[in-house]
Amino acid sequence: MNYALDALWWRLQDPAVRDLAAVLTAPPLWHSGREVPVAVLLGGQGFRFLLALDNDPWLLYRHLAQEAPFTRRLGRYAESLLAFWLAHAPHSELVARHLPLADADGRTLGEADFLCRLNGEAWHIELCCKYYGGRAAADFCGLNADDRLSEKARKLQQQMRLLQQPAFQAAYPQYAGQAWRSGSVVRGIGFSEEGALSGKPLNSYGWSGRLVDDWRAVALAPHQRFYPLPRLAYLAPARVAETEVLTPKAMAEQGSGLAAVVVRRPDGMWHEEQRVMCRC
């Protein structure tokens, strides 16, 4: 699935609001078995709230400024976006975030990302945003080959069981008596040579892109350009000014990374049509 072509991206313009919308609405990269439904995350007024933020995003930027700097830590940036939503969306209440847990010997068991209420229902939410590529699902890994889908998927299952640990009951008695429903928000893109996703646990309807070993392997039409993506710009489809795009010749000089294939639209900005990962 090419999530970059969703109609939502024709409407939203502010970069941080677009990132927030992607955290909320993108399809899961893989199936955890306990995904938080997009409709539950958004709530009945979610799209209206996103549009209002796009028109006047100061509240979101104030929140991000209080939590910055994010440097290159995409996961921390995504967590900050979701924390804002859970604290401010009309149907949501943020109860707690970043709850560390250790056993009796002091060994770290993990950290619960979020406790919240969505439409009055108590949720424990674990968030992850990953960008993996490979020939087969079993081989999927990030630009850092040690960051593997198989390991992250296993760890996510552990994270979603944290609230069942006796250590959680002891460390956080104020939350222990409540029936928390654990769920995941898995975002990101899967890259393959064919540009499609298949094989468990991957979501065949997840956001997919092309995997190449040389930027010159991406054949662009005359009207297309490249936009090399900074790490904190991975979350949402790119929308950038002409000064930020590169020709194929200039892109060929870039090293490993992620890039968007972009085209110019009537608003004068260059919009993503496809995402590419290159392991050069």
C-alpha atoms as a PDB file:
ATOM      1  CA  MET A   1       0.000   0.000   0.000  1.00  0.00           C
ATOM      2  CA  ASN A   2       1.256   3.472  -0.860  1.00  0.00           C
ATOM      3  CA  TYR A   3       0.044   5.476   2.125  1.00  0.00           C
ATOM      4  CA  ALA A   4       1.692   8.587   0.644  1.00  0.00           C
ATOM      5  CA  LEU A   5      -1.162   8.822  -1.872  1.00  0.00           C
ATOM      6  CA  ASP A   6      -3.898   9.049   0.780  1.00  0.00           C
ATOM      7  CA  ALA A   7      -6.204  12.044   0.258  1.00  0.00           C
ATOM      8  CA  LEU A   8      -5.321  13.312   3.741  1.00  0.00           C
ATOM      9  CA  TRP A   9      -1.953  14.550   2.451  1.00  0.00           C
ATOM     10  CA  TRP A  10      -3.578  16.880  -0.058  1.00  0.00           C
ATOM     11  CA  ARG A  11      -5.198  18.741   2.844  1.00  0.00           C
ATOM     12  CA  LEU A  12      -2.725  18.904   5.750  1.00  0.00           C
ATOM     13  CA  GLN A  13       0.168  21.344   5.324  1.00  0.00           C
ATOM     14  CA  ASP A  14       1.931  21.924   8.651  1.00  0.00           C
ATOM     15  CA  PRO A  15       4.911  19.538   9.044  1.00  0.00           C
ATOM     16  CA  ALA A  16       4.334  18.632  12.704  1.00  0.00           C
ATOM     17  CA  VAL A  17       0.595  18.155  12.179  1.00  0.00           C
ATOM     18  CA  ARG A  18       1.345  15.874   9.227  1.00  0.00           C
ATOM     19  CA  ASP A  19       3.702  13.861  11.433  1.00  0.00           C
ATOM     20  CA  LEU A  20       1.020  13.616  14.116  1.00  0.00           C
ATOM     21  CA  ALA A  21      -1.559  12.495  11.551  1.00  0.00           C
ATOM     22  CA  ALA A  22       0.790   9.762  10.340  1.00  0.00           C
ATOM     23  CA  VAL A  23       1.296   8.445  13.884  1.00  0.00           C
ATOM     24  CA  LEU A  24      -2.474   8.308  14.271  1.00  0.00           C
ATOM     25  CA  THR A  25      -3.649   7.009  10.896  1.00  0.00           C
ATOM     26  CA  ALA A  26      -0.877   5.053   9.150  1.00  0.00           C
ATOM     27  CA  PRO A  27      -1.431   1.302   8.767  1.00  0.00           C
ATOM     28  CA  PRO A  28       0.612  -0.961  11.055  1.00  0.00           C
ATOM     29  CA  LEU A  29       3.833  -2.235   9.502  1.00  0.00           C
ATOM     30  CA  TRP A  30       3.289  -5.639  11.094  1.00  0.00           C
ATOM     31  CA  HIS A  31       0.519  -7.371  12.985  1.00  0.00           C
ATOM     32  CA  SER A  32       0.971  -7.513  16.743  1.00  0.00           C
ATOM     33  CA  GLY A  33      -2.441  -9.108  17.253  1.00  0.00           C
ATOM     34  CA  ARG A  34      -3.466  -6.237  19.531  1.00  0.00           C
ATOM     35  CA  GLU A  35      -3.457  -3.115  17.369  1.00  0.00           C
ATOM     36  CA  VAL A  36      -5.258  -0.050  18.700  1.00  0.00           C
ATOM     37  CA  PRO A  37      -7.837   0.672  15.970  1.00  0.00           C
ATOM     38  CA  VAL A  38      -7.316   3.952  14.118  1.00  0.00           C
ATOM     39  CA  ALA A  39     -10.943   4.881  14.794  1.00  0.00           C
ATOM     40  CA  VAL A  40     -10.322   4.503  18.536  1.00  0.00           C
ATOM     41  CA  LEU A  41      -7.160   6.629  18.430  1.00  0.00           C
ATOM     42  CA  LEU A  42      -8.819   9.359  16.391  1.00  0.00           C
ATOM     43  CA  GLY A  43     -12.195   9.476  18.106  1.00  0.00           C
ATOM     44  CA  GLY A  44     -15.300  10.983  16.576  1.00  0.00           C
ATOM     45  CA  GLN A  45     -13.836  14.501  16.360  1.00  0.00           C
ATOM     46  CA  GLY A  46     -10.290  13.498  15.432  1.00  0.00           C
ATOM     47  CA  PHE A  47     -10.164  14.741  11.856  1.00  0.00           C
ATOM     48  CA  ARG A  48     -11.749  18.047  12.843  1.00  0.00           C
ATOM     49  CA  PHE A  49      -9.142  18.468  15.571  1.00  0.00           C
ATOM     50  CA  LEU A  50      -6.320  17.730  13.105  1.00  0.00           C
ATOM     51  CA  LEU A  51      -7.697  20.311  10.674  1.00  0.00           C
ATOM     52  CA  ALA A  52      -7.957  22.868  13.472  1.00  0.00           C
ATOM     53  CA  LEU A  53      -4.342  22.183  14.463  1.00  0.00           C
ATOM     54  CA  ASP A  54      -3.241  22.509  10.852  1.00  0.00           C
ATOM     55  CA  ASN A  55      -4.818  25.957  10.720  1.00  0.00           C
ATOM     56  CA  ASP A  56      -3.362  26.988  14.092  1.00  0.00           C
ATOM     57  CA  PRO A  57      -0.656  24.598  15.367  1.00  0.00           C
ATOM     58  CA  TRP A  58       0.771  26.713  18.198  1.00  0.00           C
ATOM     59  CA  LEU A  59      -0.463  24.335  20.926  1.00  0.00           C
ATOM     60  CA  LEU A  60       1.344  21.411  19.308  1.00  0.00           C
ATOM     61  CA  TYR A  61       4.546  23.401  18.789  1.00  0.00           C
ATOM     62  CA  ARG A  62       4.500  24.615  22.382  1.00  0.00           C
ATOM     63  CA  HIS A  63       4.303  21.005  23.539  1.00  0.00           C
ATOM     64  CA  LEU A  64       7.140  19.914  21.243  1.00  0.00           C
ATOM     65  CA  ALA A  65       9.321  22.821  22.358  1.00  0.00           C
ATOM     66  CA  GLN A  66       8.901  21.720  25.968  1.00  0.00           C
ATOM     67  CA  GLU A  67      10.100  18.202  25.109  1.00  0.00           C
ATOM     68  CA  ALA A  68      12.892  19.089  22.655  1.00  0.00           C
ATOM     69  CA  PRO A  69      15.595  18.508  21.632  1.00  0.00           C
ATOM     70  CA  PHE A  70      14.911  15.216  19.883  1.00  0.00           C
ATOM     71  CA  THR A  71      18.225  15.209  17.940  1.00  0.00           C
ATOM     72  CA  ARG A  72      17.964  12.081  15.722  1.00  0.00           C
ATOM     73  CA  ARG A  73      15.729  10.104  18.077  1.00  0.00           C
ATOM     74  CA  LEU A  74      12.697   9.472  15.899  1.00  0.00           C
ATOM     75  CA  GLY A  75      11.046   7.224  18.483  1.00  0.00           C
ATOM     76  CA  ARG A  76      11.179   9.948  21.108  1.00  0.00           C
ATOM     77  CA  TYR A  77       9.714  12.470  18.674  1.00  0.00           C
ATOM     78  CA  ALA A  78       6.877  10.092  17.768  1.00  0.00           C
ATOM     79  CA  GLU A  79       6.175   9.439  21.458  1.00  0.00           C
ATOM     80  CA  SER A  80       5.972  13.175  22.073  1.00  0.00           C
ATOM     81  CA  LEU A  81       3.453  13.565  19.250  1.00  0.00           C
ATOM     82  CA  LEU A  82       1.267  10.758  20.580  1.00  0.00           C
ATOM     83  CA  ALA A  83       1.519  12.129  24.128  1.00  0.00           C
ATOM     84  CA  PHE A  84       0.227  15.468  22.861  1.00  0.00           C
ATOM     85  CA  TRP A  85      -2.713  13.779  21.183  1.00  0.00           C
ATOM     86  CA  LEU A  86      -3.630  11.670  24.192  1.00  0.00           C
ATOM     87  CA  ALA A  87      -3.490  14.755  26.412  1.00  0.00           C
ATOM     88  CA  HIS A  88      -5.468  17.088  24.140  1.00  0.00           C
ATOM     89  CA  ALA A  89      -7.801  15.129  21.849  1.00  0.00           C
ATOM     90  CA  PRO A  90     -11.465  15.626  22.820  1.00  0.00           C
ATOM     91  CA  HIS A  91     -12.093  11.927  23.537  1.00  0.00           C
ATOM     92  CA  SER A  92      -8.827  11.187  25.327  1.00  0.00           C
ATOM     93  CA  GLU A  93      -7.218  11.493  28.751  1.00  0.00           C
ATOM     94  CA  LEU A  94      -3.493  10.874  29.264  1.00  0.00           C
ATOM     95  CA  VAL A  95      -3.089   9.141  32.629  1.00  0.00           C
ATOM     96  CA  ALA A  96       0.661   8.399  32.666  1.00  0.00           C
ATOM     97  CA  ARG A  97       3.634   7.821  30.370  1.00  0.00           C
ATOM     98  CA  HIS A  98       7.109   6.313  30.585  1.00  0.00           C
ATOM     99  CA  LEU A  99       6.527   4.036  33.575  1.00  0.00           C
ATOM    100  CA  PRO A 100       9.769   2.061  34.170  1.00  0.00           C
ATOM    101  CA  LEU A 101       9.528  -1.410  35.649  1.00  0.00           C
ATOM    102  CA  ALA A 102      12.182  -3.564  37.354  1.00  0.00           C
ATOM    103  CA  ASP A 103      12.114  -6.914  39.130  1.00  0.00           C
ATOM    104  CA  ALA A 104      12.990  -7.519  42.779  1.00  0.00           C
ATOM    105  CA  ASP A 105      16.700  -7.690  41.904  1.00  0.00           C
ATOM    106  CA  GLY A 106      16.605  -4.343  40.147  1.00  0.00           C
ATOM    107  CA  ARG A 107      16.841  -5.767  36.638  1.00  0.00           C
ATOM    108  CA  THR A 108      14.945  -3.716  34.074  1.00  0.00           C
ATOM    109  CA  LEU A 109      11.824  -5.406  32.727  1.00  0.00           C
ATOM    110  CA  GLY A 110      10.787  -2.576  30.434  1.00  0.00           C
ATOM    111  CA  GLU A 111       8.903   0.684  30.387  1.00  0.00           C
ATOM    112  CA  ALA A 112       5.187   1.168  29.749  1.00  0.00           C
ATOM    113  CA  ASP A 113       4.806   3.878  27.110  1.00  0.00           C
ATOM    114  CA  PHE A 114       1.315   5.224  27.843  1.00  0.00           C
ATOM    115  CA  LEU A 115      -1.657   4.736  30.120  1.00  0.00           C
ATOM    116  CA  CYS A 116      -4.690   6.609  28.852  1.00  0.00           C
ATOM    117  CA  ARG A 117      -8.437   6.583  28.484  1.00  0.00           C
ATOM    118  CA  LEU A 118     -10.009   6.666  25.040  1.00  0.00           C
ATOM    119  CA  ASN A 119     -13.739   7.284  25.085  1.00  0.00           C
ATOM    120  CA  GLY A 120     -13.612   6.285  28.745  1.00  0.00           C
ATOM    121  CA  GLU A 121     -11.904   2.925  28.117  1.00  0.00           C
ATOM    122  CA  ALA A 122      -8.595   2.304  29.917  1.00  0.00           C
ATOM    123  CA  TRP A 123      -5.710   1.560  27.536  1.00  0.00           C
ATOM    124  CA  HIS A 124      -2.048   0.657  27.918  1.00  0.00           C
ATOM    125  CA  ILE A 125      -0.429   1.644  24.597  1.00  0.00           C
ATOM    126  CA  GLU A 126       2.988   0.699  23.252  1.00  0.00           C
ATOM    127  CA  LEU A 127       4.274   2.737  20.298  1.00  0.00           C
ATOM    128  CA  CYS A 128       7.017   1.911  17.819  1.00  0.00           C
ATOM    129  CA  CYS A 129       8.002   3.377  14.449  1.00  0.00           C
ATOM    130  CA  LYS A 130      10.312   1.260  12.316  1.00  0.00           C
ATOM    131  CA  TYR A 131      11.740   1.337   8.799  1.00  0.00           C
ATOM    132  CA  TYR A 132      12.816  -2.120   7.705  1.00  0.00           C
ATOM    133  CA  GLY A 133      13.790  -3.685   4.409  1.00  0.00           C
ATOM    134  CA  GLY A 134      14.806  -7.082   3.078  1.00  0.00           C
ATOM    135  CA  ARG A 135      14.197  -9.840   0.567  1.00  0.00           C
ATOM    136  CA  ALA A 136      11.841 -11.695   2.925  1.00  0.00           C
ATOM    137  CA  ALA A 137      10.083 -10.863   6.189  1.00  0.00           C
ATOM    138  CA  ALA A 138      12.557 -13.007   8.145  1.00  0.00           C
ATOM    139  CA  ASP A 139      15.415 -10.844   6.843  1.00  0.00           C
ATOM    140  CA  PHE A 140      13.851  -7.429   7.474  1.00  0.00           C
ATOM    141  CA  CYS A 141      16.150  -4.989   9.244  1.00  0.00           C
ATOM    142  CA  GLY A 142      16.854  -1.277   9.382  1.00  0.00           C
ATOM    143  CA  LEU A 143      19.714   0.710   7.909  1.00  0.00           C
ATOM    144  CA  ASN A 144      21.463  -0.547  11.030  1.00  0.00           C
ATOM    145  CA  ALA A 145      21.502  -4.295  10.337  1.00  0.00           C
ATOM    146  CA  ASP A 146      21.345  -5.057  14.075  1.00  0.00           C
ATOM    147  CA  ASP A 147      17.863  -3.496  14.246  1.00  0.00           C
ATOM    148  CA  ARG A 148      15.733  -6.469  13.180  1.00  0.00           C
ATOM    149  CA  LEU A 149      11.990  -6.877  12.712  1.00  0.00           C
ATOM    150  CA  SER A 150      11.950 -10.309  14.349  1.00  0.00           C
ATOM    151  CA  GLU A 151      13.538  -8.996  17.541  1.00  0.00           C
ATOM    152  CA  LYS A 152      11.416  -5.847  17.701  1.00  0.00           C
ATOM    153  CA  ALA A 153       8.196  -7.813  17.175  1.00  0.00           C
ATOM    154  CA  ARG A 154       9.184 -10.185  19.996  1.00  0.00           C
ATOM    155  CA  LYS A 155      10.064  -7.317  22.323  1.00  0.00           C
ATOM    156  CA  LEU A 156       6.780  -5.555  21.573  1.00  0.00           C
ATOM    157  CA  GLN A 157       4.865  -8.605  22.778  1.00  0.00           C
ATOM    158  CA  GLN A 158       6.823  -8.459  26.040  1.00  0.00           C
ATOM    159  CA  GLN A 159       6.075  -4.765  26.414  1.00  0.00           C
ATOM    160  CA  MET A 160       2.352  -5.323  26.016  1.00  0.00           C
ATOM    161  CA  ARG A 161       2.443  -7.816  28.909  1.00  0.00           C
ATOM    162  CA  LEU A 162       4.197  -5.463  31.335  1.00  0.00           C
ATOM    163  CA  LEU A 163       1.057  -4.574  33.259  1.00  0.00           C
ATOM    164  CA  GLN A 164       0.488  -8.263  34.026  1.00  0.00           C
ATOM    165  CA  GLN A 165       3.784  -8.442  35.927  1.00  0.00           C
ATOM    166  CA  PRO A 166       3.547  -8.620  39.744  1.00  0.00           C
ATOM    167  CA  ALA A 167       6.268  -5.964  39.766  1.00  0.00           C
ATOM    168  CA  PHE A 168       3.885  -3.525  38.102  1.00  0.00           C
ATOM    169  CA  GLN A 169       1.231  -4.150  40.720  1.00  0.00           C
ATOM    170  CA  ALA A 170       3.795  -3.424  43.440  1.00  0.00           C
ATOM    171  CA  ALA A 171       5.410  -0.394  41.807  1.00  0.00           C
ATOM    172  CA  TYR A 172       2.222   1.342  40.688  1.00  0.00           C
ATOM    173  CA  PRO A 173      -0.603   0.424  43.073  1.00  0.00           C
ATOM    174  CA  GLN A 174      -2.539   3.518  41.959  1.00  0.00           C
ATOM    175  CA  TYR A 175      -3.039   1.869  38.543  1.00  0.00           C
ATOM    176  CA  ALA A 176      -2.979  -1.805  39.515  1.00  0.00           C
ATOM    177  CA  GLY A 177      -6.662  -2.172  40.322  1.00  0.00           C
ATOM    178  CA  GLN A 178      -7.868  -1.036  36.898  1.00  0.00           C
ATOM    179  CA  ALA A 179      -8.599  -3.190  33.857  1.00  0.00           C
ATOM    180  CA  TRP A 180      -6.108  -1.829  31.326  1.00  0.00           C
ATOM    181  CA  ARG A 181      -6.443  -3.051  27.758  1.00  0.00           C
ATOM    182  CA  SER A 182      -2.987  -3.395  26.183  1.00  0.00           C
ATOM    183  CA  GLY A 183      -2.536  -2.452  22.536  1.00  0.00           C
ATOM    184  CA  SER A 184       0.099  -1.424  20.043  1.00  0.00           C
ATOM    185  CA  VAL A 185       0.559   1.466  17.646  1.00  0.00           C
ATOM    186  CA  VAL A 186       3.058   0.120  15.107  1.00  0.00           C
ATOM    187  CA  ARG A 187       4.041   2.586  12.419  1.00  0.00           C
ATOM    188  CA  GLY A 188       6.702   2.719   9.726  1.00  0.00           C
ATOM    189  CA  ILE A 189       7.487   1.474   6.245  1.00  0.00           C
ATOM    190  CA  GLY A 190       8.583  -1.872   4.854  1.00  0.00           C
ATOM    191  CA  PHE A 191      10.926  -1.892   1.865  1.00  0.00           C
ATOM    192  CA  SER A 192      11.372  -4.669  -0.668  1.00  0.00           C
ATOM    193  CA  GLU A 193      12.767  -4.987  -4.169  1.00  0.00           C
ATOM    194  CA  GLU A 194       9.221  -5.350  -5.512  1.00  0.00           C
ATOM    195  CA  GLY A 195       7.792  -2.545  -3.385  1.00  0.00           C
ATOM    196  CA  ALA A 196       5.213  -4.855  -1.750  1.00  0.00           C
ATOM    197  CA  LEU A 197       4.929  -6.547   1.656  1.00  0.00           C
ATOM    198  CA  SER A 198       4.361 -10.256   2.226  1.00  0.00           C
ATOM    199  CA  GLY A 199       5.112 -12.873   4.856  1.00  0.00           C
ATOM    200  CA  LYS A 200       4.262 -12.973   8.553  1.00  0.00           C
ATOM    201  CA  PRO A 201       4.160 -10.872  10.647  1.00  0.00           C
ATOM    202  CA  LEU A 202       4.146  -8.116   7.986  1.00  0.00           C
ATOM    203  CA  ASN A 203       0.900  -6.369   7.154  1.00  0.00           C
ATOM    204  CA  SER A 204       0.328  -6.814   3.420  1.00  0.00           C
ATOM    205  CA  TYR A 205      -1.646  -3.549   3.506  1.00  0.00           C
ATOM    206  CA  GLY A 206       1.097  -1.667   5.341  1.00  0.00           C
ATOM    207  CA  TRP A 207       2.982   1.308   3.931  1.00  0.00           C
ATOM    208  CA  SER A 208       5.516  -0.116   1.489  1.00  0.00           C
ATOM    209  CA  GLY A 209       8.455   1.225  -0.491  1.00  0.00           C
ATOM    210  CA  ARG A 210      11.298   0.087  -2.726  1.00  0.00           C
ATOM    211  CA  LEU A 211      14.613  -1.313  -1.548  1.00  0.00           C
ATOM    212  CA  VAL A 212      17.659  -0.629  -3.762  1.00  0.00           C
ATOM    213  CA  ASP A 213      21.434  -0.839  -3.453  1.00  0.00           C
ATOM    214  CA  ASP A 214      22.120   2.165  -5.692  1.00  0.00           C
ATOM    215  CA  TRP A 215      20.121   5.369  -6.080  1.00  0.00           C
ATOM    216  CA  ARG A 216      20.635   5.072  -9.844  1.00  0.00           C
ATOM    217  CA  ALA A 217      18.420   1.975  -9.788  1.00  0.00           C
ATOM    218  CA  VAL A 218      15.392   4.234  -9.243  1.00  0.00           C
ATOM    219  CA  ALA A 219      14.184   5.341 -12.667  1.00  0.00           C
ATOM    220  CA  LEU A 220      12.479   8.722 -12.379  1.00  0.00           C
ATOM    221  CA  ALA A 221      10.062  10.260 -14.851  1.00  0.00           C
ATOM    222  CA  PRO A 222      11.103  13.697 -16.177  1.00  0.00           C
ATOM    223  CA  HIS A 223       8.732  15.459 -13.759  1.00  0.00           C
ATOM    224  CA  GLN A 224       9.992  13.597 -10.657  1.00  0.00           C
ATOM    225  CA  ARG A 225      12.765  14.470  -8.209  1.00  0.00           C
ATOM    226  CA  PHE A 226      14.268  13.071  -4.994  1.00  0.00           C
ATOM    227  CA  TYR A 227      14.053  14.425  -1.467  1.00  0.00           C
ATOM    228  CA  PRO A 228      16.621  12.833   0.898  1.00  0.00           C
ATOM    229  CA  LEU A 229      14.825  12.460   4.209  1.00  0.00           C
ATOM    230  CA  PRO A 230      16.325  13.596   7.525  1.00  0.00           C
ATOM    231  CA  ARG A 231      15.590  11.021  10.217  1.00  0.00           C
ATOM    232  CA  LEU A 232      12.984  13.159  11.986  1.00  0.00           C
ATOM    233  CA  ALA A 233      11.117  13.543   8.670  1.00  0.00           C
ATOM    234  CA  TYR A 234      10.437   9.812   8.217  1.00  0.00           C
ATOM    235  CA  LEU A 235       6.951   9.724   9.758  1.00  0.00           C
ATOM    236  CA  ALA A 236       4.743  11.438   7.165  1.00  0.00           C
ATOM    237  CA  PRO A 237       4.800  11.683   3.373  1.00  0.00           C
ATOM    238  CA  ALA A 238       7.136  14.475   2.301  1.00  0.00           C
ATOM    239  CA  ARG A 239       5.862  17.919   1.313  1.00  0.00           C
ATOM    240  CA  VAL A 240       8.819  20.197   0.605  1.00  0.00           C
ATOM    241  CA  ALA A 241       9.894  23.308  -1.270  1.00  0.00           C
ATOM    242  CA  GLU A 242      11.701  23.150  -4.606  1.00  0.00           C
ATOM    243  CA  THR A 243      14.946  24.250  -2.960  1.00  0.00           C
ATOM    244  CA  GLU A 244      15.057  20.946  -1.049  1.00  0.00           C
ATOM    245  CA  VAL A 245      14.717  18.498  -3.950  1.00  0.00           C
ATOM    246  CA  LEU A 246      17.537  16.792  -5.842  1.00  0.00           C
ATOM    247  CA  THR A 247      17.974  15.622  -9.408  1.00  0.00           C
ATOM    248  CA  PRO A 248      18.850  11.957 -10.034  1.00  0.00           C
ATOM    249  CA  LYS A 249      22.457  12.977 -10.728  1.00  0.00           C
ATOM    250  CA  ALA A 250      22.738  14.772  -7.374  1.00  0.00           C
ATOM    251  CA  MET A 251      20.976  11.922  -5.563  1.00  0.00           C
ATOM    252  CA  ALA A 252      23.456   9.393  -6.959  1.00  0.00           C
ATOM    253  CA  GLU A 253      26.133  11.019  -4.810  1.00  0.00           C
ATOM    254  CA  GLN A 254      24.189  10.370  -1.593  1.00  0.00           C
ATOM    255  CA  GLY A 255      24.977   7.461   0.720  1.00  0.00           C
ATOM    256  CA  SER A 256      22.651   4.977   2.403  1.00  0.00           C
ATOM    257  CA  GLY A 257      19.360   6.350   3.675  1.00  0.00           C
ATOM    258  CA  LEU A 258      15.714   6.994   2.921  1.00  0.00           C
ATOM    259  CA  ALA A 259      14.415   9.296   0.205  1.00  0.00           C
ATOM    260  CA  ALA A 260      11.053  10.312  -1.174  1.00  0.00           C
ATOM    261  CA  VAL A 261      10.321  10.410  -4.880  1.00  0.00           C
ATOM    262  CA  VAL A 262       8.428  13.693  -5.196  1.00  0.00           C
ATOM    263  CA  VAL A 263       6.379  15.567  -7.796  1.00  0.00           C
ATOM    264  CA  ARG A 264       5.268  19.174  -7.933  1.00  0.00           C
ATOM    265  CA  ARG A 265       1.588  19.789  -7.256  1.00  0.00           C
ATOM    266  CA  PRO A 266      -0.589  22.856  -7.896  1.00  0.00           C
ATOM    267  CA  ASP A 267       0.201  24.293  -4.448  1.00  0.00           C
ATOM    268  CA  GLY A 268       3.794  24.785  -5.622  1.00  0.00           C
ATOM    269  CA  MET A 269       5.192  22.214  -3.183  1.00  0.00           C
ATOM    270  CA  TRP A 270       6.805  18.885  -3.993  1.00  0.00           C
ATOM    271  CA  HIS A 271       4.796  15.923  -2.654  1.00  0.00           C
ATOM    272  CA  GLU A 272       5.883  12.349  -2.052  1.00  0.00           C
ATOM    273  CA  GLU A 273       4.734   9.640  -4.430  1.00  0.00           C
ATOM    274  CA  GLN A 274       7.030   6.832  -3.323  1.00  0.00           C
ATOM    275  CA  ARG A 275       9.507   6.029  -0.527  1.00  0.00           C
ATOM    276  CA  VAL A 276      12.866   4.393  -1.233  1.00  0.00           C
ATOM    277  CA  MET A 277      15.486   2.837   1.053  1.00  0.00           C
ATOM    278  CA  CYS A 278      19.010   2.535  -0.313  1.00  0.00           C
ATOM    279  CA  ARG A 279      21.716   0.393   1.260  1.00  0.00           C
ATOM    280  CA  CYS A 280      24.569   1.744  -0.806  1.00  0.00           C
END
